[in-house]
């Protein structure tokens, strides 16, 4: 099993469990098959073998996927089988903790690396809340702690001409990369460069709870550096999302797209948001979906989303 270079030297089982194996991962069918191999309890063995079959897939989904049950919780449920596990089986059963990617929310010249991290915590029918492994680990660190990571290029590219307008759509933590874009262009403008219009569509639940970078956006709007439209989905009876604001600003946006060849950048959750935003822009384009497809091919419309 490959391990990170930091653990290239021999490690004991305790270190594997604490630092390398992802004990919060959801097990696949192969894990149940492995559990059943040396099981001597008939009831457990029968259930494990059932989960490992195509016929038992629906039951497996109800047992693992819907409640987000972890591999560690499965081992606790099948105690007889777990007691018979050999170390070699554990290496095949457990996956390695995967690196997490976060968008950098600051430009290089600030000499700092800012991240916007949503702390994942939610409830299912399980008694214990589900916690995001990396986000809650980061949350637990004392101020001043060292965190090791690496910087990789993102998938989005900015127009080479600073005069090209940019329309940015970033609900939730999707706003992170656009803070760095605005910082960079604002710095270039102060150095005398001609900067194209920047329009930002941001969405969050409440103005007072999760309006990320509110001080920055307030400052930039006063400086007329960019235009910011914010959708607060829970501050009124009817829900308002970024796609509603895009539709509302149709005249302004269509002018930038058709007459000034604006670039559109979308970042955030990969659930329903990207599709809803695309449909809103198709509406802005008077239903011309082919034009949007051409923008995608020419990278005038780019998405960077995550689950």
C-alpha atoms as a PDB file:
ATOM      1  CA  UNK A   1       0.000   0.000   0.000  1.00  0.00           C
ATOM      2  CA  UNK A   2       1.530   3.378  -0.957  1.00  0.00           C
ATOM      3  CA  UNK A   3       2.030   5.805   1.909  1.00  0.00           C
ATOM      4  CA  UNK A   4       2.917   9.519   1.965  1.00  0.00           C
ATOM      5  CA  UNK A   5       6.645  10.226   1.733  1.00  0.00           C
ATOM      6  CA  UNK A   6       6.540  11.602   5.278  1.00  0.00           C
ATOM      7  CA  UNK A   7       5.849   8.031   6.412  1.00  0.00           C
ATOM      8  CA  UNK A   8       8.245   6.242   4.071  1.00  0.00           C
ATOM      9  CA  UNK A   9      10.063   4.814   7.087  1.00  0.00           C
ATOM     10  CA  UNK A  10       8.526   1.909   9.032  1.00  0.00           C
ATOM     11  CA  UNK A  11       5.419   2.781  11.045  1.00  0.00           C
ATOM     12  CA  UNK A  12       3.441   0.793  13.582  1.00  0.00           C
ATOM     13  CA  UNK A  13      -0.256  -0.079  13.425  1.00  0.00           C
ATOM     14  CA  UNK A  14      -1.134   2.703  15.845  1.00  0.00           C
ATOM     15  CA  UNK A  15       0.405   5.305  13.528  1.00  0.00           C
ATOM     16  CA  UNK A  16      -1.395   3.779  10.561  1.00  0.00           C
ATOM     17  CA  UNK A  17      -4.744   4.089  12.333  1.00  0.00           C
ATOM     18  CA  UNK A  18      -4.059   7.620  13.581  1.00  0.00           C
ATOM     19  CA  UNK A  19      -2.389   9.248  10.599  1.00  0.00           C
ATOM     20  CA  UNK A  20      -2.764   7.210   7.410  1.00  0.00           C
ATOM     21  CA  UNK A  21      -5.913   5.062   7.288  1.00  0.00           C
ATOM     22  CA  UNK A  22      -9.179   6.917   6.681  1.00  0.00           C
ATOM     23  CA  UNK A  23     -11.367   5.429   9.406  1.00  0.00           C
ATOM     24  CA  UNK A  24     -14.174   7.859   8.552  1.00  0.00           C
ATOM     25  CA  UNK A  25     -14.498   6.580   4.978  1.00  0.00           C
ATOM     26  CA  UNK A  26     -17.628   4.752   3.831  1.00  0.00           C
ATOM     27  CA  UNK A  27     -16.914   1.075   3.092  1.00  0.00           C
ATOM     28  CA  UNK A  28     -17.603  -0.498  -0.296  1.00  0.00           C
ATOM     29  CA  UNK A  29     -18.856  -4.002  -1.059  1.00  0.00           C
ATOM     30  CA  UNK A  30     -15.334  -5.406  -1.063  1.00  0.00           C
ATOM     31  CA  UNK A  31     -14.947  -4.444   2.605  1.00  0.00           C
ATOM     32  CA  UNK A  32     -17.959  -6.583   3.536  1.00  0.00           C
ATOM     33  CA  UNK A  33     -16.614  -9.475   1.499  1.00  0.00           C
ATOM     34  CA  UNK A  34     -13.294  -9.241   3.356  1.00  0.00           C
ATOM     35  CA  UNK A  35     -15.086  -9.122   6.709  1.00  0.00           C
ATOM     36  CA  UNK A  36     -16.988 -12.296   5.894  1.00  0.00           C
ATOM     37  CA  UNK A  37     -13.914 -14.385   5.003  1.00  0.00           C
ATOM     38  CA  UNK A  38     -12.947 -15.530   8.501  1.00  0.00           C
ATOM     39  CA  UNK A  39     -16.265 -14.891  10.218  1.00  0.00           C
ATOM     40  CA  UNK A  40     -17.441 -17.769  12.423  1.00  0.00           C
ATOM     41  CA  UNK A  41     -20.733 -16.184  13.500  1.00  0.00           C
ATOM     42  CA  UNK A  42     -23.436 -17.490  11.137  1.00  0.00           C
ATOM     43  CA  UNK A  43     -25.771 -14.477  11.400  1.00  0.00           C
ATOM     44  CA  UNK A  44     -22.990 -11.962  10.792  1.00  0.00           C
ATOM     45  CA  UNK A  45     -21.495 -13.993   7.965  1.00  0.00           C
ATOM     46  CA  UNK A  46     -24.865 -14.287   6.215  1.00  0.00           C
ATOM     47  CA  UNK A  47     -25.462 -10.527   6.409  1.00  0.00           C
ATOM     48  CA  UNK A  48     -21.944  -9.646   5.287  1.00  0.00           C
ATOM     49  CA  UNK A  49     -22.168 -11.967   2.290  1.00  0.00           C
ATOM     50  CA  UNK A  50     -25.543 -10.463   1.394  1.00  0.00           C
ATOM     51  CA  UNK A  51     -24.097  -6.923   1.428  1.00  0.00           C
ATOM     52  CA  UNK A  52     -21.337  -8.122  -0.915  1.00  0.00           C
ATOM     53  CA  UNK A  53     -23.803  -9.238  -3.631  1.00  0.00           C
ATOM     54  CA  UNK A  54     -25.657  -7.348  -6.340  1.00  0.00           C
ATOM     55  CA  UNK A  55     -28.951  -8.462  -4.788  1.00  0.00           C
ATOM     56  CA  UNK A  56     -27.945  -6.881  -1.484  1.00  0.00           C
ATOM     57  CA  UNK A  57     -26.950  -3.536  -2.995  1.00  0.00           C
ATOM     58  CA  UNK A  58     -30.145  -1.717  -1.982  1.00  0.00           C
ATOM     59  CA  UNK A  59     -29.776  -2.898   1.605  1.00  0.00           C
ATOM     60  CA  UNK A  60     -26.129  -1.834   1.554  1.00  0.00           C
ATOM     61  CA  UNK A  61     -27.100   1.660   0.393  1.00  0.00           C
ATOM     62  CA  UNK A  62     -29.631   1.929   3.215  1.00  0.00           C
ATOM     63  CA  UNK A  63     -27.077   0.691   5.734  1.00  0.00           C
ATOM     64  CA  UNK A  64     -24.001   2.649   4.601  1.00  0.00           C
ATOM     65  CA  UNK A  65     -24.661   5.434   2.109  1.00  0.00           C
ATOM     66  CA  UNK A  66     -27.811   7.080   3.430  1.00  0.00           C
ATOM     67  CA  UNK A  67     -26.721   7.378   7.087  1.00  0.00           C
ATOM     68  CA  UNK A  68     -23.081   7.998   6.009  1.00  0.00           C
ATOM     69  CA  UNK A  69     -21.895   5.080   8.156  1.00  0.00           C
ATOM     70  CA  UNK A  70     -18.098   4.859   8.476  1.00  0.00           C
ATOM     71  CA  UNK A  71     -15.879   1.794   8.147  1.00  0.00           C
ATOM     72  CA  UNK A  72     -15.055   2.079  11.858  1.00  0.00           C
ATOM     73  CA  UNK A  73     -18.757   1.981  12.765  1.00  0.00           C
ATOM     74  CA  UNK A  74     -19.238  -1.057  10.530  1.00  0.00           C
ATOM     75  CA  UNK A  75     -16.446  -2.870  12.364  1.00  0.00           C
ATOM     76  CA  UNK A  76     -18.155  -2.044  15.649  1.00  0.00           C
ATOM     77  CA  UNK A  77     -21.465  -3.434  14.338  1.00  0.00           C
ATOM     78  CA  UNK A  78     -19.877  -6.720  13.230  1.00  0.00           C
ATOM     79  CA  UNK A  79     -17.786  -7.403  16.307  1.00  0.00           C
ATOM     80  CA  UNK A  80     -17.408 -11.163  15.810  1.00  0.00           C
ATOM     81  CA  UNK A  81     -16.067 -10.680  12.308  1.00  0.00           C
ATOM     82  CA  UNK A  82     -13.826  -7.801  13.380  1.00  0.00           C
ATOM     83  CA  UNK A  83     -12.194  -9.928  16.083  1.00  0.00           C
ATOM     84  CA  UNK A  84     -11.009 -12.372  13.403  1.00  0.00           C
ATOM     85  CA  UNK A  85      -9.412  -9.778  11.131  1.00  0.00           C
ATOM     86  CA  UNK A  86      -5.760 -10.170  10.224  1.00  0.00           C
ATOM     87  CA  UNK A  87      -3.406  -7.256   9.621  1.00  0.00           C
ATOM     88  CA  UNK A  88      -3.090  -8.136   5.934  1.00  0.00           C
ATOM     89  CA  UNK A  89      -6.876  -7.780   5.549  1.00  0.00           C
ATOM     90  CA  UNK A  90      -6.828  -4.342   7.193  1.00  0.00           C
ATOM     91  CA  UNK A  91      -4.400  -3.092   4.553  1.00  0.00           C
ATOM     92  CA  UNK A  92      -6.876  -4.077   1.852  1.00  0.00           C
ATOM     93  CA  UNK A  93      -9.952  -2.884   3.732  1.00  0.00           C
ATOM     94  CA  UNK A  94      -8.837   0.601   4.781  1.00  0.00           C
ATOM     95  CA  UNK A  95      -8.250   3.415   2.322  1.00  0.00           C
ATOM     96  CA  UNK A  96      -5.562   6.061   2.767  1.00  0.00           C
ATOM     97  CA  UNK A  97      -6.572   9.572   3.818  1.00  0.00           C
ATOM     98  CA  UNK A  98      -6.698  11.606   0.610  1.00  0.00           C
ATOM     99  CA  UNK A  99      -5.380  15.170   0.287  1.00  0.00           C
ATOM    100  CA  UNK A 100      -8.066  17.854   0.455  1.00  0.00           C
ATOM    101  CA  UNK A 101      -8.095  20.735  -2.005  1.00  0.00           C
ATOM    102  CA  UNK A 102      -9.077  24.287  -1.109  1.00  0.00           C
ATOM    103  CA  UNK A 103      -9.177  27.384  -3.296  1.00  0.00           C
ATOM    104  CA  UNK A 104      -6.644  30.029  -2.317  1.00  0.00           C
ATOM    105  CA  UNK A 105      -8.381  33.272  -1.384  1.00  0.00           C
ATOM    106  CA  UNK A 106      -5.368  35.588  -1.600  1.00  0.00           C
ATOM    107  CA  UNK A 107      -2.990  36.698  -4.341  1.00  0.00           C
ATOM    108  CA  UNK A 108       0.725  35.762  -4.120  1.00  0.00           C
ATOM    109  CA  UNK A 109       1.970  39.313  -3.561  1.00  0.00           C
ATOM    110  CA  UNK A 110       0.170  39.492  -0.195  1.00  0.00           C
ATOM    111  CA  UNK A 111       2.788  37.008   1.099  1.00  0.00           C
ATOM    112  CA  UNK A 112       0.079  35.066   2.892  1.00  0.00           C
ATOM    113  CA  UNK A 113      -2.035  32.095   1.926  1.00  0.00           C
ATOM    114  CA  UNK A 114      -5.672  32.550   2.909  1.00  0.00           C
ATOM    115  CA  UNK A 115      -8.156  29.675   2.781  1.00  0.00           C
ATOM    116  CA  UNK A 116     -11.914  29.713   3.241  1.00  0.00           C
ATOM    117  CA  UNK A 117     -12.863  26.362   4.777  1.00  0.00           C
ATOM    118  CA  UNK A 118     -16.412  25.274   5.585  1.00  0.00           C
ATOM    119  CA  UNK A 119     -16.411  23.119   8.717  1.00  0.00           C
ATOM    120  CA  UNK A 120     -18.460  20.057   7.762  1.00  0.00           C
ATOM    121  CA  UNK A 121     -20.848  18.855  10.451  1.00  0.00           C
ATOM    122  CA  UNK A 122     -24.307  17.410   9.901  1.00  0.00           C
ATOM    123  CA  UNK A 123     -26.710  14.868  11.319  1.00  0.00           C
ATOM    124  CA  UNK A 124     -28.099  11.654   9.863  1.00  0.00           C
ATOM    125  CA  UNK A 125     -30.130   8.931  11.566  1.00  0.00           C
ATOM    126  CA  UNK A 126     -26.885   7.890  13.258  1.00  0.00           C
ATOM    127  CA  UNK A 127     -26.636   9.077  16.865  1.00  0.00           C
ATOM    128  CA  UNK A 128     -23.194  10.576  16.313  1.00  0.00           C
ATOM    129  CA  UNK A 129     -23.035  13.694  14.065  1.00  0.00           C
ATOM    130  CA  UNK A 130     -21.087  13.298  10.833  1.00  0.00           C
ATOM    131  CA  UNK A 131     -17.913  15.397  10.852  1.00  0.00           C
ATOM    132  CA  UNK A 132     -15.695  16.366   7.937  1.00  0.00           C
ATOM    133  CA  UNK A 133     -12.287  14.821   8.632  1.00  0.00           C
ATOM    134  CA  UNK A 134     -10.007  17.590   7.369  1.00  0.00           C
ATOM    135  CA  UNK A 135     -12.162  20.636   8.139  1.00  0.00           C
ATOM    136  CA  UNK A 136     -12.703  19.603  11.755  1.00  0.00           C
ATOM    137  CA  UNK A 137      -9.013  18.783  12.144  1.00  0.00           C
ATOM    138  CA  UNK A 138      -8.137  22.277  10.917  1.00  0.00           C
ATOM    139  CA  UNK A 139     -10.715  23.741  13.281  1.00  0.00           C
ATOM    140  CA  UNK A 140      -9.129  21.919  16.226  1.00  0.00           C
ATOM    141  CA  UNK A 141      -5.629  23.288  15.628  1.00  0.00           C
ATOM    142  CA  UNK A 142      -4.358  26.010  17.986  1.00  0.00           C
ATOM    143  CA  UNK A 143      -3.551  29.386  16.429  1.00  0.00           C
ATOM    144  CA  UNK A 144       0.032  29.353  15.172  1.00  0.00           C
ATOM    145  CA  UNK A 145       0.094  25.662  14.267  1.00  0.00           C
ATOM    146  CA  UNK A 146       2.028  24.573  11.186  1.00  0.00           C
ATOM    147  CA  UNK A 147       0.093  22.864   8.409  1.00  0.00           C
ATOM    148  CA  UNK A 148       1.876  21.152   5.544  1.00  0.00           C
ATOM    149  CA  UNK A 149       0.482  21.322   2.036  1.00  0.00           C
ATOM    150  CA  UNK A 150       1.271  21.952  -1.600  1.00  0.00           C
ATOM    151  CA  UNK A 151       0.069  24.481  -4.148  1.00  0.00           C
ATOM    152  CA  UNK A 152      -1.363  23.255  -7.447  1.00  0.00           C
ATOM    153  CA  UNK A 153      -2.752  25.211 -10.363  1.00  0.00           C
ATOM    154  CA  UNK A 154      -6.534  25.407 -10.487  1.00  0.00           C
ATOM    155  CA  UNK A 155      -8.631  24.634 -13.533  1.00  0.00           C
ATOM    156  CA  UNK A 156      -9.761  28.209 -14.209  1.00  0.00           C
ATOM    157  CA  UNK A 157      -7.700  30.667 -16.231  1.00  0.00           C
ATOM    158  CA  UNK A 158      -8.058  34.447 -16.293  1.00  0.00           C
ATOM    159  CA  UNK A 159      -8.201  36.468 -19.517  1.00  0.00           C
ATOM    160  CA  UNK A 160      -4.756  37.759 -20.479  1.00  0.00           C
ATOM    161  CA  UNK A 161      -6.200  41.187 -21.277  1.00  0.00           C
ATOM    162  CA  UNK A 162      -6.880  42.995 -17.995  1.00  0.00           C
ATOM    163  CA  UNK A 163      -9.499  45.115 -19.774  1.00  0.00           C
ATOM    164  CA  UNK A 164     -11.720  42.067 -20.326  1.00  0.00           C
ATOM    165  CA  UNK A 165     -14.752  42.171 -18.009  1.00  0.00           C
ATOM    166  CA  UNK A 166     -15.159  39.244 -15.613  1.00  0.00           C
ATOM    167  CA  UNK A 167     -18.469  38.006 -14.207  1.00  0.00           C
ATOM    168  CA  UNK A 168     -17.847  35.873 -11.118  1.00  0.00           C
ATOM    169  CA  UNK A 169     -20.424  33.563  -9.518  1.00  0.00           C
ATOM    170  CA  UNK A 170     -19.359  32.075  -6.193  1.00  0.00           C
ATOM    171  CA  UNK A 171     -21.984  31.070  -3.630  1.00  0.00           C
ATOM    172  CA  UNK A 172     -20.725  29.855  -0.265  1.00  0.00           C
ATOM    173  CA  UNK A 173     -17.046  28.969  -0.174  1.00  0.00           C
ATOM    174  CA  UNK A 174     -17.059  29.307  -3.961  1.00  0.00           C
ATOM    175  CA  UNK A 175     -16.273  32.976  -3.406  1.00  0.00           C
ATOM    176  CA  UNK A 176     -12.736  32.130  -2.237  1.00  0.00           C
ATOM    177  CA  UNK A 177     -10.858  32.153  -5.583  1.00  0.00           C
ATOM    178  CA  UNK A 178     -12.580  35.351  -6.670  1.00  0.00           C
ATOM    179  CA  UNK A 179     -11.240  37.280  -3.695  1.00  0.00           C
ATOM    180  CA  UNK A 180      -7.748  36.668  -5.053  1.00  0.00           C
ATOM    181  CA  UNK A 181      -8.849  37.706  -8.561  1.00  0.00           C
ATOM    182  CA  UNK A 182     -10.273  40.990  -7.280  1.00  0.00           C
ATOM    183  CA  UNK A 183      -7.191  41.628  -5.131  1.00  0.00           C
ATOM    184  CA  UNK A 184      -4.943  41.137  -8.160  1.00  0.00           C
ATOM    185  CA  UNK A 185      -6.937  43.309 -10.534  1.00  0.00           C
ATOM    186  CA  UNK A 186      -7.376  46.003  -7.912  1.00  0.00           C
ATOM    187  CA  UNK A 187      -3.611  46.088  -7.388  1.00  0.00           C
ATOM    188  CA  UNK A 188      -3.035  46.347 -11.139  1.00  0.00           C
ATOM    189  CA  UNK A 189      -5.546  49.185 -11.394  1.00  0.00           C
ATOM    190  CA  UNK A 190      -3.772  51.133  -8.652  1.00  0.00           C
ATOM    191  CA  UNK A 191      -0.571  50.680 -10.669  1.00  0.00           C
ATOM    192  CA  UNK A 192      -2.200  52.407 -13.643  1.00  0.00           C
ATOM    193  CA  UNK A 193      -3.523  49.464 -15.668  1.00  0.00           C
ATOM    194  CA  UNK A 194      -6.912  49.663 -17.370  1.00  0.00           C
ATOM    195  CA  UNK A 195      -9.151  47.080 -15.730  1.00  0.00           C
ATOM    196  CA  UNK A 196     -12.360  45.644 -17.126  1.00  0.00           C
ATOM    197  CA  UNK A 197     -15.566  45.599 -15.117  1.00  0.00           C
ATOM    198  CA  UNK A 198     -15.805  43.000 -12.373  1.00  0.00           C
ATOM    199  CA  UNK A 199     -19.236  41.779 -11.283  1.00  0.00           C
ATOM    200  CA  UNK A 200     -19.575  39.353  -8.386  1.00  0.00           C
ATOM    201  CA  UNK A 201     -22.609  37.219  -7.532  1.00  0.00           C
ATOM    202  CA  UNK A 202     -22.309  35.764  -4.052  1.00  0.00           C
ATOM    203  CA  UNK A 203     -24.839  33.721  -2.119  1.00  0.00           C
ATOM    204  CA  UNK A 204     -25.140  32.681   1.510  1.00  0.00           C
ATOM    205  CA  UNK A 205     -27.870  31.911   4.028  1.00  0.00           C
ATOM    206  CA  UNK A 206     -27.780  34.956   6.295  1.00  0.00           C
ATOM    207  CA  UNK A 207     -26.252  38.412   6.071  1.00  0.00           C
ATOM    208  CA  UNK A 208     -25.103  38.335   9.687  1.00  0.00           C
ATOM    209  CA  UNK A 209     -23.829  34.740   9.812  1.00  0.00           C
ATOM    210  CA  UNK A 210     -21.990  33.706   6.654  1.00  0.00           C
ATOM    211  CA  UNK A 211     -21.362  36.745   4.457  1.00  0.00           C
ATOM    212  CA  UNK A 212     -17.747  35.801   3.769  1.00  0.00           C
ATOM    213  CA  UNK A 213     -15.237  38.633   3.217  1.00  0.00           C
ATOM    214  CA  UNK A 214     -17.911  41.251   3.912  1.00  0.00           C
ATOM    215  CA  UNK A 215     -15.305  43.850   4.934  1.00  0.00           C
ATOM    216  CA  UNK A 216     -13.362  43.350   1.709  1.00  0.00           C
ATOM    217  CA  UNK A 217     -16.438  43.636  -0.494  1.00  0.00           C
ATOM    218  CA  UNK A 218     -17.708  46.696   1.367  1.00  0.00           C
ATOM    219  CA  UNK A 219     -14.335  48.366   0.851  1.00  0.00           C
ATOM    220  CA  UNK A 220     -14.112  47.406  -2.826  1.00  0.00           C
ATOM    221  CA  UNK A 221     -17.598  48.656  -3.564  1.00  0.00           C
ATOM    222  CA  UNK A 222     -16.786  52.015  -1.967  1.00  0.00           C
ATOM    223  CA  UNK A 223     -13.670  52.174  -4.132  1.00  0.00           C
ATOM    224  CA  UNK A 224     -15.831  51.212  -7.146  1.00  0.00           C
ATOM    225  CA  UNK A 225     -13.459  48.342  -7.775  1.00  0.00           C
ATOM    226  CA  UNK A 226     -16.260  45.864  -8.432  1.00  0.00           C
ATOM    227  CA  UNK A 227     -20.015  45.404  -8.259  1.00  0.00           C
ATOM    228  CA  UNK A 228     -21.285  42.881  -5.727  1.00  0.00           C
ATOM    229  CA  UNK A 229     -24.741  41.288  -5.772  1.00  0.00           C
ATOM    230  CA  UNK A 230     -25.547  39.109  -2.770  1.00  0.00           C
ATOM    231  CA  UNK A 231     -28.354  36.564  -2.401  1.00  0.00           C
ATOM    232  CA  UNK A 232     -29.307  35.872   1.213  1.00  0.00           C
ATOM    233  CA  UNK A 233     -31.389  32.717   0.892  1.00  0.00           C
ATOM    234  CA  UNK A 234     -32.784  32.611   4.456  1.00  0.00           C
ATOM    235  CA  UNK A 235     -33.247  36.291   5.360  1.00  0.00           C
ATOM    236  CA  UNK A 236     -36.769  36.449   3.912  1.00  0.00           C
ATOM    237  CA  UNK A 237     -39.730  34.111   3.459  1.00  0.00           C
ATOM    238  CA  UNK A 238     -38.980  33.319  -0.188  1.00  0.00           C
ATOM    239  CA  UNK A 239     -35.547  31.903  -0.944  1.00  0.00           C
ATOM    240  CA  UNK A 240     -33.236  33.949  -3.145  1.00  0.00           C
ATOM    241  CA  UNK A 241     -30.244  32.368  -4.873  1.00  0.00           C
ATOM    242  CA  UNK A 242     -27.498  33.670  -7.161  1.00  0.00           C
ATOM    243  CA  UNK A 243     -29.345  32.519 -10.291  1.00  0.00           C
ATOM    244  CA  UNK A 244     -32.243  34.830  -9.395  1.00  0.00           C
ATOM    245  CA  UNK A 245     -29.892  37.817  -9.188  1.00  0.00           C
ATOM    246  CA  UNK A 246     -28.278  36.885 -12.508  1.00  0.00           C
ATOM    247  CA  UNK A 247     -31.708  36.912 -14.155  1.00  0.00           C
ATOM    248  CA  UNK A 248     -32.519  40.238 -12.504  1.00  0.00           C
ATOM    249  CA  UNK A 249     -29.345  41.812 -13.943  1.00  0.00           C
ATOM    250  CA  UNK A 250     -29.995  40.465 -17.445  1.00  0.00           C
ATOM    251  CA  UNK A 251     -29.587  43.768 -19.290  1.00  0.00           C
ATOM    252  CA  UNK A 252     -26.271  44.588 -17.622  1.00  0.00           C
ATOM    253  CA  UNK A 253     -24.839  41.104 -18.066  1.00  0.00           C
ATOM    254  CA  UNK A 254     -25.947  40.586 -21.672  1.00  0.00           C
ATOM    255  CA  UNK A 255     -24.290  43.873 -22.627  1.00  0.00           C
ATOM    256  CA  UNK A 256     -20.998  42.718 -21.108  1.00  0.00           C
ATOM    257  CA  UNK A 257     -21.226  39.315 -22.805  1.00  0.00           C
ATOM    258  CA  UNK A 258     -22.266  40.368 -26.307  1.00  0.00           C
ATOM    259  CA  UNK A 259     -20.590  43.760 -26.666  1.00  0.00           C
ATOM    260  CA  UNK A 260     -17.536  43.489 -24.454  1.00  0.00           C
ATOM    261  CA  UNK A 261     -16.763  39.761 -24.611  1.00  0.00           C
ATOM    262  CA  UNK A 262     -16.934  39.228 -20.851  1.00  0.00           C
ATOM    263  CA  UNK A 263     -15.604  36.036 -19.277  1.00  0.00           C
ATOM    264  CA  UNK A 264     -17.812  34.138 -16.799  1.00  0.00           C
ATOM    265  CA  UNK A 265     -16.273  32.195 -13.909  1.00  0.00           C
ATOM    266  CA  UNK A 266     -18.378  29.925 -11.668  1.00  0.00           C
ATOM    267  CA  UNK A 267     -17.113  28.233  -8.500  1.00  0.00           C
ATOM    268  CA  UNK A 268     -18.761  26.348  -5.653  1.00  0.00           C
ATOM    269  CA  UNK A 269     -20.761  23.234  -4.865  1.00  0.00           C
ATOM    270  CA  UNK A 270     -21.232  20.687  -7.642  1.00  0.00           C
ATOM    271  CA  UNK A 271     -24.782  19.816  -6.559  1.00  0.00           C
ATOM    272  CA  UNK A 272     -27.618  21.765  -8.204  1.00  0.00           C
ATOM    273  CA  UNK A 273     -25.904  25.161  -8.349  1.00  0.00           C
ATOM    274  CA  UNK A 274     -23.913  24.861 -11.620  1.00  0.00           C
ATOM    275  CA  UNK A 275     -26.957  23.717 -13.615  1.00  0.00           C
ATOM    276  CA  UNK A 276     -29.181  26.455 -12.155  1.00  0.00           C
ATOM    277  CA  UNK A 277     -26.560  29.102 -12.919  1.00  0.00           C
ATOM    278  CA  UNK A 278     -26.102  27.851 -16.498  1.00  0.00           C
ATOM    279  CA  UNK A 279     -29.857  28.006 -17.040  1.00  0.00           C
ATOM    280  CA  UNK A 280     -29.896  31.563 -15.697  1.00  0.00           C
ATOM    281  CA  UNK A 281     -27.183  32.599 -18.154  1.00  0.00           C
ATOM    282  CA  UNK A 282     -29.037  30.891 -21.012  1.00  0.00           C
ATOM    283  CA  UNK A 283     -31.971  33.105 -20.049  1.00  0.00           C
ATOM    284  CA  UNK A 284     -29.681  36.136 -20.139  1.00  0.00           C
ATOM    285  CA  UNK A 285     -28.658  35.031 -23.646  1.00  0.00           C
ATOM    286  CA  UNK A 286     -32.340  34.969 -24.681  1.00  0.00           C
ATOM    287  CA  UNK A 287     -32.412  31.184 -24.721  1.00  0.00           C
ATOM    288  CA  UNK A 288     -29.389  30.813 -27.003  1.00  0.00           C
ATOM    289  CA  UNK A 289     -27.876  27.681 -25.475  1.00  0.00           C
ATOM    290  CA  UNK A 290     -25.553  27.205 -28.435  1.00  0.00           C
ATOM    291  CA  UNK A 291     -23.930  30.565 -27.719  1.00  0.00           C
ATOM    292  CA  UNK A 292     -23.231  29.432 -24.148  1.00  0.00           C
ATOM    293  CA  UNK A 293     -21.767  26.165 -25.456  1.00  0.00           C
ATOM    294  CA  UNK A 294     -19.441  28.181 -27.682  1.00  0.00           C
ATOM    295  CA  UNK A 295     -18.429  30.269 -24.674  1.00  0.00           C
ATOM    296  CA  UNK A 296     -17.587  27.054 -22.824  1.00  0.00           C
ATOM    297  CA  UNK A 297     -15.454  25.801 -25.737  1.00  0.00           C
ATOM    298  CA  UNK A 298     -13.617  29.134 -25.895  1.00  0.00           C
ATOM    299  CA  UNK A 299     -13.201  29.164 -22.111  1.00  0.00           C
ATOM    300  CA  UNK A 300     -15.229  32.326 -21.789  1.00  0.00           C
ATOM    301  CA  UNK A 301     -17.449  30.291 -19.454  1.00  0.00           C
ATOM    302  CA  UNK A 302     -15.563  28.226 -16.874  1.00  0.00           C
ATOM    303  CA  UNK A 303     -16.641  26.196 -13.863  1.00  0.00           C
ATOM    304  CA  UNK A 304     -14.628  24.935 -10.911  1.00  0.00           C
ATOM    305  CA  UNK A 305     -16.895  22.930  -8.628  1.00  0.00           C
ATOM    306  CA  UNK A 306     -16.512  20.372  -5.873  1.00  0.00           C
ATOM    307  CA  UNK A 307     -18.667  17.954  -3.882  1.00  0.00           C
END
